[in-house]
C-alpha atoms as a PDB file:
ATOM      1  CA  MET A   1     141.695-261.524 143.962  1.00  0.00           C
ATOM      2  CA  ASN A   2     143.713-261.790 140.729  1.00  0.00           C
ATOM      3  CA  SER A   3     146.864-259.669 140.989  1.00  0.00           C
ATOM      4  CA  THR A   4     147.484-259.559 137.232  1.00  0.00           C
ATOM      5  CA  THR A   5     146.528-256.509 135.215  1.00  0.00           C
ATOM      6  CA  PRO A   6     142.959-256.889 133.907  1.00  0.00           C
ATOM      7  CA  ASP A   7     142.151-256.752 130.220  1.00  0.00           C
ATOM      8  CA  ILE A   8     139.749-253.901 130.796  1.00  0.00           C
ATOM      9  CA  SER A   9     138.815-251.429 133.541  1.00  0.00           C
ATOM     10  CA  ILE A  10     135.099-250.629 133.711  1.00  0.00           C
ATOM     11  CA  ILE A  11     134.278-247.237 135.200  1.00  0.00           C
ATOM     12  CA  VAL A  12     130.705-246.493 136.286  1.00  0.00           C
ATOM     13  CA  PRO A  13     129.567-243.203 137.855  1.00  0.00           C
ATOM     14  CA  ILE A  14     126.752-243.660 140.366  1.00  0.00           C
ATOM     15  CA  ILE A  15     124.432-241.447 142.366  1.00  0.00           C
ATOM     16  CA  ASN A  16     121.513-243.209 144.059  1.00  0.00           C
ATOM     17  CA  GLU A  17     121.627-246.283 141.810  1.00  0.00           C
ATOM     18  CA  ALA A  18     120.787-248.897 144.451  1.00  0.00           C
ATOM     19  CA  GLY A  19     118.104-250.393 142.221  1.00  0.00           C
ATOM     20  CA  GLU A  20     120.445-250.780 139.246  1.00  0.00           C
ATOM     21  CA  LEU A  21     123.578-252.194 140.862  1.00  0.00           C
ATOM     22  CA  PRO A  22     122.513-255.846 141.346  1.00  0.00           C
ATOM     23  CA  GLU A  23     121.651-256.255 137.652  1.00  0.00           C
ATOM     24  CA  LEU A  24     124.809-254.416 136.619  1.00  0.00           C
ATOM     25  CA  PHE A  25     126.935-256.830 138.655  1.00  0.00           C
ATOM     26  CA  THR A  26     125.039-259.817 137.237  1.00  0.00           C
ATOM     27  CA  SER A  27     125.557-258.596 133.683  1.00  0.00           C
ATOM     28  CA  LEU A  28     129.297-258.097 134.163  1.00  0.00           C
ATOM     29  CA  ALA A  29     129.742-261.380 136.036  1.00  0.00           C
ATOM     30  CA  ALA A  30     128.241-263.201 133.047  1.00  0.00           C
ATOM     31  CA  GLN A  31     130.998-261.982 130.714  1.00  0.00           C
ATOM     32  CA  ARG A  32     133.325-264.709 129.535  1.00  0.00           C
ATOM     33  CA  GLY A  33     136.870-264.775 128.184  1.00  0.00           C
ATOM     34  CA  VAL A  34     138.124-261.495 129.686  1.00  0.00           C
ATOM     35  CA  THR A  35     139.485-260.300 132.992  1.00  0.00           C
ATOM     36  CA  LEU A  36     138.042-257.062 134.285  1.00  0.00           C
ATOM     37  CA  GLU A  37     137.920-254.717 137.221  1.00  0.00           C
ATOM     38  CA  LEU A  38     134.989-252.512 138.175  1.00  0.00           C
ATOM     39  CA  LEU A  39     135.378-249.024 139.587  1.00  0.00           C
ATOM     40  CA  LEU A  40     132.197-247.515 141.002  1.00  0.00           C
ATOM     41  CA  CYS A  41     132.557-243.753 141.369  1.00  0.00           C
ATOM     42  CA  ASP A  42     129.996-242.488 143.867  1.00  0.00           C
ATOM     43  CA  GLY A  43     129.180-238.803 143.647  1.00  0.00           C
ATOM     44  CA  GLY A  44     127.365-238.598 146.975  1.00  0.00           C
ATOM     45  CA  SER A  45     124.554-241.146 147.040  1.00  0.00           C
ATOM     46  CA  SER A  46     121.911-240.721 149.730  1.00  0.00           C
ATOM     47  CA  ASP A  47     120.379-244.176 149.240  1.00  0.00           C
ATOM     48  CA  ASP A  48     121.934-247.612 149.865  1.00  0.00           C
ATOM     49  CA  SER A  49     124.117-247.599 146.757  1.00  0.00           C
ATOM     50  CA  CYS A  50     127.437-247.787 148.587  1.00  0.00           C
ATOM     51  CA  GLU A  51     126.266-250.460 151.030  1.00  0.00           C
ATOM     52  CA  ILE A  52     124.820-252.578 148.219  1.00  0.00           C
ATOM     53  CA  ALA A  53     127.984-252.140 146.147  1.00  0.00           C
ATOM     54  CA  SER A  54     130.149-253.305 149.052  1.00  0.00           C
ATOM     55  CA  MET A  55     127.923-256.317 149.687  1.00  0.00           C
ATOM     56  CA  LEU A  56     127.935-257.333 146.016  1.00  0.00           C
ATOM     57  CA  ALA A  57     131.700-256.852 145.780  1.00  0.00           C
ATOM     58  CA  ASP A  58     132.304-259.355 148.591  1.00  0.00           C
ATOM     59  CA  SER A  59     130.882-262.197 146.518  1.00  0.00           C
ATOM     60  CA  CYS A  60     132.050-260.983 143.113  1.00  0.00           C
ATOM     61  CA  SER A  61     134.386-262.898 140.801  1.00  0.00           C
ATOM     62  CA  PHE A  62     136.229-259.746 139.731  1.00  0.00           C
ATOM     63  CA  PRO A  63     137.833-256.932 141.761  1.00  0.00           C
ATOM     64  CA  VAL A  64     135.579-254.010 142.649  1.00  0.00           C
ATOM     65  CA  ARG A  65     136.570-250.652 144.059  1.00  0.00           C
ATOM     66  CA  LEU A  66     134.242-247.996 145.394  1.00  0.00           C
ATOM     67  CA  ILE A  67     135.601-244.476 144.948  1.00  0.00           C
ATOM     68  CA  ARG A  68     134.094-241.431 146.655  1.00  0.00           C
ATOM     69  CA  THR A  69     134.193-238.448 144.327  1.00  0.00           C
ATOM     70  CA  GLY A  70     132.668-235.052 143.760  1.00  0.00           C
ATOM     71  CA  ARG A  71     129.274-234.842 142.065  1.00  0.00           C
ATOM     72  CA  GLY A  72     129.130-234.703 138.273  1.00  0.00           C
ATOM     73  CA  ARG A  73     129.657-237.516 135.788  1.00  0.00           C
ATOM     74  CA  GLY A  74     132.747-235.907 134.302  1.00  0.00           C
ATOM     75  CA  SER A  75     134.603-235.611 137.603  1.00  0.00           C
ATOM     76  CA  GLN A  76     133.375-239.039 138.730  1.00  0.00           C
ATOM     77  CA  MET A  77     134.663-240.814 135.637  1.00  0.00           C
ATOM     78  CA  ASN A  78     137.944-238.888 135.646  1.00  0.00           C
ATOM     79  CA  ALA A  79     138.493-240.056 139.213  1.00  0.00           C
ATOM     80  CA  GLY A  80     137.793-243.642 138.168  1.00  0.00           C
ATOM     81  CA  ALA A  81     140.173-243.434 135.218  1.00  0.00           C
ATOM     82  CA  ALA A  82     142.926-242.179 137.532  1.00  0.00           C
ATOM     83  CA  GLU A  83     142.507-245.284 139.724  1.00  0.00           C
ATOM     84  CA  ALA A  84     142.093-247.830 136.909  1.00  0.00           C
ATOM     85  CA  THR A  85     144.906-250.322 136.316  1.00  0.00           C
ATOM     86  CA  ALA A  86     144.120-251.548 132.788  1.00  0.00           C
ATOM     87  CA  GLY A  87     145.288-249.807 129.654  1.00  0.00           C
ATOM     88  CA  LEU A  88     141.808-250.130 128.147  1.00  0.00           C
ATOM     89  CA  LEU A  89     139.047-248.091 129.788  1.00  0.00           C
ATOM     90  CA  LEU A  90     135.301-248.693 129.408  1.00  0.00           C
ATOM     91  CA  PHE A  91     132.964-245.995 130.708  1.00  0.00           C
ATOM     92  CA  LEU A  92     129.466-247.337 131.351  1.00  0.00           C
ATOM     93  CA  HIS A  93     126.258-246.083 132.911  1.00  0.00           C
ATOM     94  CA  ALA A  94     124.745-247.888 135.883  1.00  0.00           C
ATOM     95  CA  ASP A  95     121.775-249.039 133.784  1.00  0.00           C
ATOM     96  CA  SER A  96     123.973-250.510 131.019  1.00  0.00           C
ATOM     97  CA  ARG A  97     123.617-254.239 130.354  1.00  0.00           C
ATOM     98  CA  PHE A  98     125.265-256.800 128.080  1.00  0.00           C
ATOM     99  CA  GLU A  99     122.914-259.484 126.837  1.00  0.00           C
ATOM    100  CA  ASP A 100     125.740-261.275 124.993  1.00  0.00           C
ATOM    101  CA  SER A 101     128.131-262.989 127.413  1.00  0.00           C
ATOM    102  CA  THR A 102     130.997-262.454 124.932  1.00  0.00           C
ATOM    103  CA  ALA A 103     130.375-258.725 124.354  1.00  0.00           C
ATOM    104  CA  LEU A 104     133.468-257.610 126.275  1.00  0.00           C
ATOM    105  CA  LEU A 105     135.580-260.362 124.736  1.00  0.00           C
ATOM    106  CA  LYS A 106     134.569-259.156 121.268  1.00  0.00           C
ATOM    107  CA  ALA A 107     135.433-255.581 122.258  1.00  0.00           C
ATOM    108  CA  VAL A 108     138.866-256.518 123.633  1.00  0.00           C
ATOM    109  CA  GLU A 109     139.669-258.685 120.604  1.00  0.00           C
ATOM    110  CA  TYR A 110     138.599-255.870 118.281  1.00  0.00           C
ATOM    111  CA  TYR A 111     140.961-253.538 120.132  1.00  0.00           C
ATOM    112  CA  ARG A 112     143.862-256.004 120.018  1.00  0.00           C
ATOM    113  CA  ASN A 113     143.408-256.543 116.297  1.00  0.00           C
ATOM    114  CA  ASP A 114     143.407-252.791 115.792  1.00  0.00           C
ATOM    115  CA  GLN A 115     146.675-252.482 117.710  1.00  0.00           C
ATOM    116  CA  ALA A 116     148.361-255.494 116.100  1.00  0.00           C
ATOM    117  CA  ASP A 117     150.539-253.539 113.694  1.00  0.00           C
ATOM    118  CA  ALA A 118     151.432-250.607 115.932  1.00  0.00           C
ATOM    119  CA  PRO A 119     150.069-249.037 119.128  1.00  0.00           C
ATOM    120  CA  ARG A 120     147.882-245.998 118.472  1.00  0.00           C
ATOM    121  CA  THR A 121     145.056-244.015 119.978  1.00  0.00           C
ATOM    122  CA  PHE A 122     141.779-245.907 120.039  1.00  0.00           C
ATOM    123  CA  ALA A 123     138.174-244.902 120.722  1.00  0.00           C
ATOM    124  CA  ALA A 124     135.018-246.919 120.159  1.00  0.00           C
ATOM    125  CA  ARG A 125     131.461-247.471 121.295  1.00  0.00           C
ATOM    126  CA  PHE A 126     128.907-250.292 121.238  1.00  0.00           C
ATOM    127  CA  GLY A 127     125.737-250.583 119.243  1.00  0.00           C
ATOM    128  CA  LEU A 128     122.744-249.431 121.287  1.00  0.00           C
ATOM    129  CA  HIS A 129     119.527-251.144 122.319  1.00  0.00           C
ATOM    130  CA  PHE A 130     116.773-249.682 124.509  1.00  0.00           C
ATOM    131  CA  ARG A 131     115.242-251.887 127.194  1.00  0.00           C
ATOM    132  CA  ARG A 132     111.569-250.981 127.309  1.00  0.00           C
ATOM    133  CA  SER A 133     108.734-251.924 129.633  1.00  0.00           C
ATOM    134  CA  GLN A 134     106.756-253.208 126.617  1.00  0.00           C
ATOM    135  CA  PRO A 135     109.405-254.741 124.355  1.00  0.00           C
ATOM    136  CA  ALA A 136     106.869-256.819 122.416  1.00  0.00           C
ATOM    137  CA  ARG A 137     105.523-253.658 120.790  1.00  0.00           C
ATOM    138  CA  PRO A 138     108.172-252.241 118.425  1.00  0.00           C
ATOM    139  CA  LEU A 139     108.272-248.464 118.176  1.00  0.00           C
ATOM    140  CA  LEU A 140     109.770-246.593 115.240  1.00  0.00           C
ATOM    141  CA  ALA A 141     111.134-243.820 117.470  1.00  0.00           C
ATOM    142  CA  TYR A 142     113.384-246.170 119.459  1.00  0.00           C
ATOM    143  CA  PHE A 143     114.389-247.972 116.263  1.00  0.00           C
ATOM    144  CA  PHE A 144     115.436-244.590 114.844  1.00  0.00           C
ATOM    145  CA  TYR A 145     117.673-243.763 117.822  1.00  0.00           C
ATOM    146  CA  GLU A 146     119.217-247.236 117.816  1.00  0.00           C
ATOM    147  CA  SER A 147     119.942-246.888 114.099  1.00  0.00           C
ATOM    148  CA  LYS A 148     121.333-243.354 114.446  1.00  0.00           C
ATOM    149  CA  ALA A 149     123.732-244.543 117.159  1.00  0.00           C
ATOM    150  CA  ARG A 150     125.396-246.780 114.563  1.00  0.00           C
ATOM    151  CA  LEU A 151     126.205-243.946 112.161  1.00  0.00           C
ATOM    152  CA  ALA A 152     129.816-242.869 111.727  1.00  0.00           C
ATOM    153  CA  ARG A 153     128.975-239.347 112.871  1.00  0.00           C
ATOM    154  CA  ARG A 154     130.490-237.857 116.006  1.00  0.00           C
ATOM    155  CA  ASP A 155     127.318-235.925 116.791  1.00  0.00           C
ATOM    156  CA  CYS A 156     125.450-239.242 117.089  1.00  0.00           C
ATOM    157  CA  ILE A 157     127.755-240.815 119.671  1.00  0.00           C
ATOM    158  CA  ARG A 158     126.423-240.795 123.246  1.00  0.00           C
ATOM    159  CA  GLY A 159     127.642-242.053 126.595  1.00  0.00           C
ATOM    160  CA  ASP A 160     124.866-244.641 126.961  1.00  0.00           C
ATOM    161  CA  GLN A 161     126.603-246.618 124.191  1.00  0.00           C
ATOM    162  CA  GLY A 162     129.605-247.136 126.463  1.00  0.00           C
ATOM    163  CA  PHE A 163     132.904-245.415 125.657  1.00  0.00           C
ATOM    164  CA  LEU A 164     135.892-247.709 125.125  1.00  0.00           C
ATOM    165  CA  LEU A 165     139.211-245.842 124.957  1.00  0.00           C
ATOM    166  CA  ASN A 166     142.814-246.689 125.512  1.00  0.00           C
ATOM    167  CA  ARG A 167     144.794-244.409 127.788  1.00  0.00           C
ATOM    168  CA  ASP A 168     146.466-242.603 124.910  1.00  0.00           C
ATOM    169  CA  ALA A 169     143.123-241.487 123.469  1.00  0.00           C
ATOM    170  CA  PHE A 170     141.710-240.568 126.868  1.00  0.00           C
ATOM    171  CA  SER A 171     144.787-238.531 127.797  1.00  0.00           C
ATOM    172  CA  GLU A 172     144.929-236.866 124.403  1.00  0.00           C
ATOM    173  CA  ALA A 173     141.312-235.725 124.830  1.00  0.00           C
ATOM    174  CA  GLY A 174     142.115-234.315 128.262  1.00  0.00           C
ATOM    175  CA  GLY A 175     139.641-236.566 130.053  1.00  0.00           C
ATOM    176  CA  PHE A 176     136.020-235.642 130.641  1.00  0.00           C
ATOM    177  CA  ASP A 177     134.951-232.020 130.896  1.00  0.00           C
ATOM    178  CA  GLU A 178     133.922-231.218 134.474  1.00  0.00           C
ATOM    179  CA  SER A 179     132.410-227.771 133.947  1.00  0.00           C
ATOM    180  CA  LEU A 180     128.817-229.047 133.654  1.00  0.00           C
ATOM    181  CA  PRO A 181     127.006-231.925 135.388  1.00  0.00           C
ATOM    182  CA  PHE A 182     126.028-233.283 131.953  1.00  0.00           C
ATOM    183  CA  LEU A 183     127.155-233.246 128.286  1.00  0.00           C
ATOM    184  CA  GLU A 184     130.472-234.750 129.339  1.00  0.00           C
ATOM    185  CA  ASP A 185     130.001-237.468 126.705  1.00  0.00           C
ATOM    186  CA  LEU A 186     129.518-235.063 123.798  1.00  0.00           C
ATOM    187  CA  ARG A 187     132.451-232.944 124.922  1.00  0.00           C
ATOM    188  CA  LEU A 188     134.782-235.934 125.181  1.00  0.00           C
ATOM    189  CA  VAL A 189     133.921-237.033 121.655  1.00  0.00           C
ATOM    190  CA  ALA A 190     134.472-233.486 120.392  1.00  0.00           C
ATOM    191  CA  ALA A 191     137.796-233.271 122.244  1.00  0.00           C
ATOM    192  CA  THR A 192     139.287-236.304 120.512  1.00  0.00           C
ATOM    193  CA  THR A 193     141.359-235.358 117.483  1.00  0.00           C
ATOM    194  CA  PRO A 194     139.849-235.656 113.992  1.00  0.00           C
ATOM    195  CA  GLN A 195     142.402-238.374 113.238  1.00  0.00           C
ATOM    196  CA  ILE A 196     140.687-240.682 115.739  1.00  0.00           C
ATOM    197  CA  GLU A 197     137.884-242.677 114.171  1.00  0.00           C
ATOM    198  CA  TRP A 198     135.272-243.668 116.722  1.00  0.00           C
ATOM    199  CA  ARG A 199     134.819-247.343 115.882  1.00  0.00           C
ATOM    200  CA  LEU A 200     131.576-249.278 116.179  1.00  0.00           C
ATOM    201  CA  LEU A 201     132.276-252.427 118.183  1.00  0.00           C
ATOM    202  CA  PRO A 202     130.832-255.796 117.059  1.00  0.00           C
ATOM    203  CA  ALA A 203     128.544-256.050 120.096  1.00  0.00           C
ATOM    204  CA  THR A 204     125.591-254.241 121.641  1.00  0.00           C
ATOM    205  CA  VAL A 205     124.936-252.644 125.002  1.00  0.00           C
ATOM    206  CA  SER A 206     121.402-252.028 126.241  1.00  0.00           C
ATOM    207  CA  THR A 207     120.241-249.060 128.262  1.00  0.00           C
ATOM    208  CA  SER A 208     117.032-248.452 130.166  1.00  0.00           C
ATOM    209  CA  ALA A 209     114.280-246.465 128.459  1.00  0.00           C
ATOM    210  CA  ARG A 210     112.845-245.583 131.885  1.00  0.00           C
ATOM    211  CA  ARG A 211     113.450-241.834 131.597  1.00  0.00           C
ATOM    212  CA  PHE A 212     111.907-241.650 128.135  1.00  0.00           C
ATOM    213  CA  GLU A 213     108.912-243.715 129.236  1.00  0.00           C
ATOM    214  CA  GLN A 214     108.364-241.695 132.384  1.00  0.00           C
ATOM    215  CA  GLU A 215     109.003-238.223 131.014  1.00  0.00           C
ATOM    216  CA  GLY A 216     107.812-238.771 127.445  1.00  0.00           C
ATOM    217  CA  LEU A 217     110.056-239.661 124.516  1.00  0.00           C
ATOM    218  CA  LEU A 218     109.261-236.572 122.422  1.00  0.00           C
ATOM    219  CA  GLU A 219     109.453-234.187 125.362  1.00  0.00           C
ATOM    220  CA  ARG A 220     112.773-235.578 126.530  1.00  0.00           C
ATOM    221  CA  GLN A 221     114.296-235.404 123.060  1.00  0.00           C
ATOM    222  CA  ILE A 222     113.172-231.788 122.660  1.00  0.00           C
ATOM    223  CA  LEU A 223     114.808-230.925 125.980  1.00  0.00           C
ATOM    224  CA  ASN A 224     117.985-232.760 124.982  1.00  0.00           C
ATOM    225  CA  ALA A 225     118.072-230.829 121.695  1.00  0.00           C
ATOM    226  CA  ILE A 226     117.616-227.537 123.566  1.00  0.00           C
ATOM    227  CA  ILE A 227     120.443-228.412 125.965  1.00  0.00           C
ATOM    228  CA  VAL A 228     122.845-229.278 123.136  1.00  0.00           C
ATOM    229  CA  ASN A 229     121.930-226.133 121.195  1.00  0.00           C
ATOM    230  CA  ASN A 230     122.366-223.882 124.223  1.00  0.00           C
ATOM    231  CA  ALA A 231     125.674-225.524 125.091  1.00  0.00           C
ATOM    232  CA  LEU A 232     126.959-224.773 121.599  1.00  0.00           C
ATOM    233  CA  ALA A 233     125.790-221.176 122.108  1.00  0.00           C
ATOM    234  CA  GLY A 234     127.743-220.986 125.383  1.00  0.00           C
ATOM    235  CA  TRP A 235     124.624-219.826 127.226  1.00  0.00           C
ATOM    236  CA  SER A 236     125.836-220.041 130.837  1.00  0.00           C
ATOM    237  CA  ALA A 237     122.725-218.317 132.272  1.00  0.00           C
ATOM    238  CA  PHE A 238     120.554-221.107 130.896  1.00  0.00           C
ATOM    239  CA  PHE A 239     122.589-223.840 132.551  1.00  0.00           C
ATOM    240  CA  GLU A 240     122.670-221.959 135.841  1.00  0.00           C
ATOM    241  CA  SER A 241     118.859-221.786 135.797  1.00  0.00           C
ATOM    242  CA  LEU A 242     118.139-225.240 134.339  1.00  0.00           C
ATOM    243  CA  PRO A 243     118.246-227.265 137.595  1.00  0.00           C
ATOM    244  CA  GLY A 244     115.640-225.004 139.193  1.00  0.00           C
ATOM    245  CA  LEU A 245     113.435-224.991 136.097  1.00  0.00           C
ATOM    246  CA  TYR A 246     113.664-228.769 135.841  1.00  0.00           C
ATOM    247  CA  ARG A 247     112.785-229.298 139.508  1.00  0.00           C
ATOM    248  CA  GLU A 248     109.830-226.951 139.171  1.00  0.00           C
ATOM    249  CA  GLN A 249     108.304-228.780 136.235  1.00  0.00           C
ATOM    250  CA  CYS A 250     108.918-232.211 137.816  1.00  0.00           C
ATOM    251  CA  HIS A 251     107.161-231.069 140.987  1.00  0.00           C
ATOM    252  CA  THR A 252     104.040-230.102 139.040  1.00  0.00           C
ATOM    253  CA  ALA A 253     104.138-233.014 136.571  1.00  0.00           C
ATOM    254  CA  GLY A 254     104.795-235.898 138.926  1.00  0.00           C
ATOM    255  CA  GLY A 255     107.687-237.105 136.765  1.00  0.00           C
ATOM    256  CA  ARG A 256     106.155-236.281 133.374  1.00  0.00           C
ATOM    257  CA  LEU A 257     108.254-233.726 131.547  1.00  0.00           C
ATOM    258  CA  LEU A 258     106.244-230.561 130.900  1.00  0.00           C
ATOM    259  CA  LEU A 259     107.895-228.325 128.368  1.00  0.00           C
ATOM    260  CA  PHE A 260     105.934-225.150 129.119  1.00  0.00           C
ATOM    261  CA  PRO A 261     107.647-224.245 132.442  1.00  0.00           C
ATOM    262  CA  LEU A 262     111.034-224.844 130.856  1.00  0.00           C
ATOM    263  CA  LEU A 263     110.215-222.867 127.713  1.00  0.00           C
ATOM    264  CA  LYS A 264     108.707-220.072 129.788  1.00  0.00           C
ATOM    265  CA  GLY A 265     111.963-219.891 131.744  1.00  0.00           C
ATOM    266  CA  ILE A 266     113.934-219.772 128.491  1.00  0.00           C
ATOM    267  CA  GLY A 267     111.723-216.956 127.244  1.00  0.00           C
ATOM    268  CA  GLY A 268     112.342-215.004 130.437  1.00  0.00           C
ATOM    269  CA  LEU A 269     116.105-215.478 130.192  1.00  0.00           C
ATOM    270  CA  LEU A 270     116.092-214.325 126.577  1.00  0.00           C
ATOM    271  CA  GLU A 271     114.282-211.141 127.551  1.00  0.00           C
ATOM    272  CA  LEU A 272     117.015-210.361 130.080  1.00  0.00           C
ATOM    273  CA  ALA A 273     119.789-210.745 127.504  1.00  0.00           C
ATOM    274  CA  SER A 274     120.992-207.892 125.333  1.00  0.00           C
ATOM    275  CA  ALA A 275     119.623-207.468 121.823  1.00  0.00           C
ATOM    276  CA  GLU A 276     123.058-208.152 120.362  1.00  0.00           C
ATOM    277  CA  TRP A 277     123.400-211.403 122.310  1.00  0.00           C
ATOM    278  CA  ARG A 278     119.895-212.527 121.335  1.00  0.00           C
ATOM    279  CA  ARG A 279     120.658-211.865 117.673  1.00  0.00           C
ATOM    280  CA  SER A 280     123.846-213.922 117.880  1.00  0.00           C
ATOM    281  CA  PHE A 281     122.028-216.688 119.778  1.00  0.00           C
ATOM    282  CA  TRP A 282     119.244-216.998 117.213  1.00  0.00           C
ATOM    283  CA  GLN A 283     121.689-216.968 114.327  1.00  0.00           C
ATOM    284  CA  GLY A 284     123.660-219.785 115.927  1.00  0.00           C
ATOM    285  CA  THR A 285     120.445-221.692 116.635  1.00  0.00           C
ATOM    286  CA  GLY A 286     119.424-221.372 112.993  1.00  0.00           C
ATOM    287  CA  ARG A 287     122.751-222.749 111.799  1.00  0.00           C
ATOM    288  CA  HIS A 288     122.593-225.630 114.272  1.00  0.00           C
ATOM    289  CA  VAL A 289     119.034-226.637 113.392  1.00  0.00           C
ATOM    290  CA  ALA A 290     119.632-226.365 109.639  1.00  0.00           C
ATOM    291  CA  SER A 291     122.768-228.502 109.902  1.00  0.00           C
ATOM    292  CA  ASN A 292     120.663-231.262 111.462  1.00  0.00           C
ATOM    293  CA  ALA A 293     118.257-231.496 108.539  1.00  0.00           C
ATOM    294  CA  TRP A 294     120.010-234.724 107.566  1.00  0.00           C
ATOM    295  CA  GLN A 295     118.072-236.480 110.315  1.00  0.00           C
ATOM    296  CA  LEU A 296     114.801-236.008 108.412  1.00  0.00           C
ATOM    297  CA  PHE A 297     116.248-237.886 105.446  1.00  0.00           C
ATOM    298  CA  PHE A 298     117.769-240.591 107.611  1.00  0.00           C
ATOM    299  CA  TRP A 299     114.336-240.986 109.224  1.00  0.00           C
ATOM    300  CA  LEU A 300     112.974-242.002 105.807  1.00  0.00           C
ATOM    301  CA  ASP A 301     115.659-244.675 105.498  1.00  0.00           C
ATOM    302  CA  VAL A 302     114.946-245.920 109.016  1.00  0.00           C
ATOM    303  CA  ARG A 303     111.199-246.029 108.460  1.00  0.00           C
ATOM    304  CA  ARG A 304     111.636-248.171 105.349  1.00  0.00           C
ATOM    305  CA  ALA A 305     113.862-250.624 107.229  1.00  0.00           C
ATOM    306  CA  PHE A 306     111.496-250.689 110.218  1.00  0.00           C
ATOM    307  CA  ARG A 307     108.494-251.530 108.041  1.00  0.00           C
ATOM    308  CA  ALA A 308     110.503-254.249 106.296  1.00  0.00           C
ATOM    309  CA  GLY A 309     111.352-255.903 109.617  1.00  0.00           C
ATOM    310  CA  LYS A 310     115.064-255.118 109.420  1.00  0.00           C
ATOM    311  CA  THR A 311     117.427-254.513 112.332  1.00  0.00           C
ATOM    312  CA  PRO A 312     119.155-251.175 113.044  1.00  0.00           C
ATOM    313  CA  ALA A 313     122.335-252.645 111.557  1.00  0.00           C
ATOM    314  CA  GLU A 314     120.508-253.287 108.265  1.00  0.00           C
ATOM    315  CA  VAL A 315     119.326-249.749 107.519  1.00  0.00           C
ATOM    316  CA  ARG A 316     120.349-248.724 104.002  1.00  0.00           C
ATOM    317  CA  GLN A 317     121.174-245.022 103.670  1.00  0.00           C
ATOM    318  CA  ARG A 318     119.521-244.111 100.377  1.00  0.00           C
ATOM    319  CA  TRP A 319     117.789-240.885 101.433  1.00  0.00           C
ATOM    320  CA  LEU A 320     120.709-239.897 103.641  1.00  0.00           C
ATOM    321  CA  ASP A 321     123.102-240.363 100.721  1.00  0.00           C
ATOM    322  CA  PHE A 322     120.817-238.228  98.573  1.00  0.00           C
ATOM    323  CA  TYR A 323     120.930-235.469 101.188  1.00  0.00           C
ATOM    324  CA  GLN A 324     124.700-235.628 101.542  1.00  0.00           C
ATOM    325  CA  ASN A 325     125.312-235.659  97.775  1.00  0.00           C
ATOM    326  CA  ARG A 326     122.684-233.147  96.660  1.00  0.00           C
ATOM    327  CA  LEU A 327     121.299-231.053  99.524  1.00  0.00           C
ATOM    328  CA  GLU A 328     123.870-230.704 102.304  1.00  0.00           C
ATOM    329  CA  ARG A 329     125.486-227.616 100.795  1.00  0.00           C
ATOM    330  CA  PHE A 330     122.126-225.820 100.693  1.00  0.00           C
ATOM    331  CA  PHE A 331     121.300-226.632 104.323  1.00  0.00           C
ATOM    332  CA  GLN A 332     124.659-225.171 105.327  1.00  0.00           C
ATOM    333  CA  SER A 333     123.823-221.877 103.620  1.00  0.00           C
ATOM    334  CA  GLY A 334     122.671-218.586 105.140  1.00  0.00           C
ATOM    335  CA  PRO A 335     119.098-218.771 103.750  1.00  0.00           C
ATOM    336  CA  ALA A 336     118.606-222.229 105.236  1.00  0.00           C
ATOM    337  CA  ALA A 337     119.920-221.059 108.610  1.00  0.00           C
ATOM    338  CA  PHE A 338     117.637-218.018 108.529  1.00  0.00           C
ATOM    339  CA  THR A 339     114.611-220.163 107.673  1.00  0.00           C
ATOM    340  CA  ALA A 340     115.452-222.597 110.486  1.00  0.00           C
ATOM    341  CA  GLN A 341     115.914-219.704 112.920  1.00  0.00           C
ATOM    342  CA  LEU A 342     112.525-218.280 111.983  1.00  0.00           C
ATOM    343  CA  ALA A 343     110.858-221.684 112.350  1.00  0.00           C
ATOM    344  CA  VAL A 344     112.305-222.208 115.856  1.00  0.00           C
ATOM    345  CA  ARG A 345     111.286-218.730 117.001  1.00  0.00           C
ATOM    346  CA  LEU A 346     107.740-219.252 115.729  1.00  0.00           C
ATOM    347  CA  TRP A 347     107.622-222.669 117.407  1.00  0.00           C
ATOM    348  CA  LEU A 348     108.722-221.163 120.728  1.00  0.00           C
ATOM    349  CA  ARG A 349     106.090-218.419 120.512  1.00  0.00           C
ATOM    350  CA  TRP A 350     103.396-220.948 119.664  1.00  0.00           C
ATOM    351  CA  MET A 351     104.365-223.243 122.521  1.00  0.00           C
ATOM    352  CA  LEU A 352     104.357-220.347 124.994  1.00  0.00           C
ATOM    353  CA  PHE A 353     101.004-219.088 123.686  1.00  0.00           C
ATOM    354  CA  ARG A 354      99.437-222.540 123.901  1.00  0.00           C
ATOM    355  CA  GLY A 355     100.897-223.180 127.345  1.00  0.00           C
ATOM    356  CA  THR A 356      99.673-219.825 128.647  1.00  0.00           C
ATOM    357  CA  ARG A 357      96.143-220.534 127.438  1.00  0.00           C
ATOM    358  CA  ARG A 358      96.112-223.963 129.078  1.00  0.00           C
ATOM    359  CA  THR A 359      97.385-222.710 132.429  1.00  0.00           C
ATOM    360  CA  GLY A 360      95.450-219.460 132.346  1.00  0.00           C
END
């Protein structure tokens, strides 16, 4: 084992990832030009993850440490960061892969060039690519999410892009939030100071589309949007009930995400809340939805690039620029928020009505 400090410490939270670990090790072992260490932070796996990790580590060309932690990605990755020896930390998911054998070298060189004049806080992420079961058939929806991940907007940055931070930036942000078992990526980005620009690294990481393909891309994105909205609203009752609601729908759907049981649960929770709280919640929801109208305009830009055979890096932001220059102020106004609130409330009622008819 090399006793020198590695160029980069890679921190991966795992829970029952036995099927992903061999390919993860293979992907990292193929990286050239950098020294690395891998810290696997196990949050209580009940499969063979730990045994497989130990076996793979024995024949690995880089040092590997298995850390037993509490459950929850935030606490798992914080534990890994505390044990890491490099000054540059890369937080990856177990299903992350690098198809370019120089991806990490490019990332480290980008960081060194950034720090050449003077040391400073640094945060970055990779471009994103979805690995699909039918890659030969391009889909606009995945192209849209890959393109959106490249935007210089903090609300578009997600953990499946890989988070590359130096210790100054990670410490300044206070590490990952551990209060919820998810959303730790969004909260870390939000916790970094406005002076930190989240850079886009000159390389791409791929992530599995398995959850989207199994649960349904549209259904999963709707649930993700609901989770983000309710987190912004500080709706603790929703997050306390979500695991049970999610298990219930998975049990009946066989893995396919059914929105009706989840929406029915949301409707029930709203009825239990006070009228004043519901009014505040819907007002906040309206503001949040209206502020995301820019995505409709960016979709037009993405669709044009997709039809022209471009890559996500080649999307030209004509419609998005038009929105930002001409329409953004309107969509941040009270009337726009009220209209968005009304639209969401009508959508929820329609979904509950349709779901009740189908199950009744």
